[in-house]
Amino acid sequence: MNRTPYFNSPFLLGFEHLERLLERTAKTAGDSYPPYNIEQSDENSLRITLAVAGFSQEELNVTVEGRQLVIRGKQSENNDKNFLHRGIAARQFQRAFVLAEGIEVAGASLEHGLLSVELARPKTNTIVRNIEIKAGQTPKRSVS
């Protein structure tokens, strides 16, 4: 795997997971179904709204897998209908969004063919920690 110049810096240690997330996101960026909006309600809240007309609540699945919000839809085929023209696709989809550290899914709702997923960033207190400097000792590494 070729590293991008952004992550080649010796000052960015341990950001390999971020590089993989960016690569994964770039692969799915061209997919446009279903269309969606992302709104910022306030400083700590986001809402993702997907147009999922024709999908029932049972045909939709919203999960959090690691730091990814994954929304899947699969309509069941109704073979007893005889279509003269079929312009409304009954196709399955998977849409994934990478969540920043600290973002949590607060809930989801389906109304009028729109699936809304509420995201929240709980307020956190910044903690400053002093690290004791010991003379003449090398810090021990923990092995996991």
Protein backbone atom coordinates (compact mmCIF):
# COMPACT_ATOMS: atom_id res chain seq x y z
CA MET A 1 0.00 0.00 0.00
CA ASN A 2 1.41 3.40 -0.96
CA ARG A 3 1.13 5.95 1.80
CA THR A 4 -0.32 9.33 1.02
CA PRO A 5 1.91 12.34 1.68
CA TYR A 6 -0.46 13.52 4.44
CA PHE A 7 0.20 10.44 6.58
CA ASN A 8 3.92 10.16 5.78
CA SER A 9 4.86 12.70 8.44
CA PRO A 10 6.81 11.34 11.42
CA PHE A 11 4.59 13.52 13.64
CA LEU A 12 1.44 11.55 12.76
CA LEU A 13 1.92 8.38 14.75
CA GLY A 14 -0.86 5.83 14.99
CA PHE A 15 -3.11 7.36 12.32
CA GLU A 16 -3.06 4.32 10.01
CA HIS A 17 -6.72 3.62 10.86
CA LEU A 18 -7.62 7.10 9.60
CA GLU A 19 -5.81 6.44 6.34
CA ARG A 20 -7.79 3.20 5.87
CA LEU A 21 -11.07 5.03 6.60
CA LEU A 22 -10.27 7.65 3.98
CA GLU A 23 -9.47 4.97 1.39
CA ARG A 24 -12.71 3.12 2.16
CA THR A 25 -14.71 6.35 1.93
CA ALA A 26 -13.13 7.26 -1.42
CA LYS A 27 -14.19 3.88 -2.87
CA THR A 28 -17.88 4.43 -2.04
CA ALA A 29 -18.02 8.15 -2.90
CA GLY A 30 -19.30 7.51 -6.44
CA ASP A 31 -22.43 5.64 -5.33
CA SER A 32 -25.42 7.98 -5.41
CA TYR A 33 -28.29 5.69 -4.32
CA PRO A 34 -30.16 6.47 -2.21
CA PRO A 35 -29.80 10.25 -2.17
CA TYR A 36 -29.19 11.80 1.24
CA ASN A 37 -28.81 15.08 3.13
CA ILE A 38 -26.63 15.86 6.12
CA GLU A 39 -27.85 18.69 8.34
CA GLN A 40 -26.24 20.29 11.37
CA SER A 41 -29.03 20.97 13.86
CA ASP A 42 -26.81 22.69 16.39
CA GLU A 43 -23.19 22.67 17.52
CA ASN A 44 -23.35 19.08 18.79
CA SER A 45 -26.05 17.47 16.62
CA LEU A 46 -26.22 16.14 13.07
CA ARG A 47 -29.01 14.51 11.09
CA ILE A 48 -28.55 12.25 8.08
CA THR A 49 -31.71 11.93 5.99
CA LEU A 50 -31.98 9.31 3.24
CA ALA A 51 -34.73 9.17 0.60
CA VAL A 52 -35.95 5.58 0.91
CA ALA A 53 -39.37 5.75 -0.73
CA GLY A 54 -40.97 2.33 -1.02
CA PHE A 55 -38.99 0.79 1.84
CA SER A 56 -40.81 -0.32 4.98
CA GLN A 57 -39.30 -0.14 8.44
CA GLU A 58 -38.68 -3.92 8.36
CA GLU A 59 -36.70 -3.62 5.11
CA LEU A 60 -34.22 -1.11 6.58
CA ASN A 61 -31.32 -1.78 8.92
CA VAL A 62 -29.18 0.82 10.73
CA THR A 63 -26.04 -0.43 12.49
CA VAL A 64 -22.82 0.96 13.91
CA GLU A 65 -19.82 -1.18 12.98
CA GLY A 66 -16.70 0.13 14.67
CA ARG A 67 -16.60 3.81 13.73
CA GLN A 68 -18.91 3.36 10.72
CA LEU A 69 -22.63 4.01 10.52
CA VAL A 70 -23.98 1.50 8.00
CA ILE A 71 -27.51 1.81 6.57
CA ARG A 72 -28.84 -1.08 4.52
CA GLY A 73 -32.08 -1.53 2.64
CA LYS A 74 -33.46 -4.62 0.94
CA GLN A 75 -36.96 -4.74 -0.49
CA SER A 76 -38.72 -8.04 -0.80
CA GLU A 77 -39.74 -8.86 -4.35
CA ASN A 78 -43.46 -9.18 -4.94
CA ASN A 79 -43.69 -11.60 -7.90
CA ASP A 80 -47.49 -11.59 -8.14
CA LYS A 81 -47.51 -8.16 -9.87
CA ASN A 82 -47.43 -7.76 -13.64
CA PHE A 83 -45.66 -4.45 -14.42
CA LEU A 84 -46.27 -2.71 -17.75
CA HIS A 85 -43.54 -0.23 -16.83
CA ARG A 86 -41.23 -0.39 -13.85
CA GLY A 87 -39.60 2.95 -13.11
CA ILE A 88 -39.32 2.56 -9.34
CA ALA A 89 -36.37 0.32 -8.67
CA ALA A 90 -36.72 -2.26 -5.92
CA ARG A 91 -33.03 -2.62 -5.37
CA GLN A 92 -31.01 -3.13 -2.26
CA PHE A 93 -28.48 -0.60 -1.04
CA GLN A 94 -25.79 -0.07 1.52
CA ARG A 95 -24.66 3.42 2.53
CA ALA A 96 -21.80 3.87 5.03
CA PHE A 97 -20.71 6.99 6.90
CA VAL A 98 -17.50 7.25 8.92
CA LEU A 99 -18.19 8.65 12.39
CA ALA A 100 -15.67 10.87 14.14
CA GLU A 101 -14.47 9.88 17.58
CA GLY A 102 -17.13 10.80 20.13
CA ILE A 103 -20.08 10.87 17.69
CA GLU A 104 -22.93 8.63 18.82
CA VAL A 105 -26.13 7.54 17.08
CA ALA A 106 -29.00 8.96 19.11
CA GLY A 107 -31.82 7.31 17.13
CA ALA A 108 -33.49 6.76 13.77
CA SER A 109 -36.99 7.35 12.41
CA LEU A 110 -38.87 6.68 9.16
CA GLU A 111 -41.52 9.14 8.03
CA HIS A 112 -42.98 9.88 4.57
CA GLY A 113 -40.28 7.84 2.79
CA LEU A 114 -37.43 9.62 4.58
CA LEU A 115 -35.14 7.78 6.99
CA SER A 116 -33.58 10.18 9.50
CA VAL A 117 -30.63 9.17 11.67
CA GLU A 118 -29.84 11.51 14.56
CA LEU A 119 -26.20 11.86 15.59
CA ALA A 120 -24.95 13.56 18.75
CA ARG A 121 -21.60 14.58 20.16
CA PRO A 122 -21.84 14.60 23.94
CA LYS A 123 -20.02 17.47 25.56
CA THR A 124 -16.73 16.39 27.04
CA ASN A 125 -14.48 18.04 29.58
CA THR A 126 -10.88 18.53 28.55
CA ILE A 127 -8.55 16.88 31.03
CA VAL A 128 -4.99 18.11 31.38
CA ARG A 129 -2.66 15.54 32.89
CA ASN A 130 0.85 16.24 34.15
CA ILE A 131 3.37 13.50 33.42
CA GLU A 132 6.05 13.01 36.04
CA ILE A 133 9.58 13.11 34.66
CA LYS A 134 11.89 10.64 36.39
CA ALA A 135 15.64 11.06 36.25
CA GLY A 136 17.80 8.27 34.84
CA GLN A 137 15.01 5.82 33.99
CA THR A 138 13.75 4.72 30.60
CA PRO A 139 9.94 4.43 30.49
CA LYS A 140 8.78 0.81 30.33
CA ARG A 141 6.67 -0.25 27.35
CA SER A 142 3.51 -2.14 27.97
CA VAL A 143 3.03 -5.24 25.85
CA SER A 144 -0.49 -6.06 24.72
